[in-house]
Amino acid sequence: MEGENFCGLAEMYGPRNAIHKISIDYRLAEPYWSKGIASETVSLMTGYLFRKAGIKIITASTMIENKASAKVLKKNGFTLIYHNVAEDWGYEAPTATDKWLLLSLQE
């Protein structure tokens, strides 16, 4: 549509139905950074996954240098579980990442 810009994306991927686990990811175009969009998006995704989709475990990864993304996850209750893990994100060399975890407290 004319006059509208791409803001970013959010995704849920890698479901492990047997253990009620899924991973989330989000990316924003730079003009939309520091506006609370990522925090609100993660809140909406985790709320939906826990309350409507029967998910009990949510994981996420961040590039180590992306402190803003780490802050988004912390704000939404995620806990850092692994630091400096090499992952293949499609670049020439492995990407150094941090791994995050959020568990549902509901039975």
Foldseek 3Di string as FASTA:
>chain_A
DPPDDDFWDKDWDDDDVVQLEIEIDIDTDVVPPPPCPLLVVVLVVVCCSVPPVVHFKYKYKDQPPPVSVVVSCVVNPKDFDDFQDFDCPPDPGTTGIIMIMDGDPDD
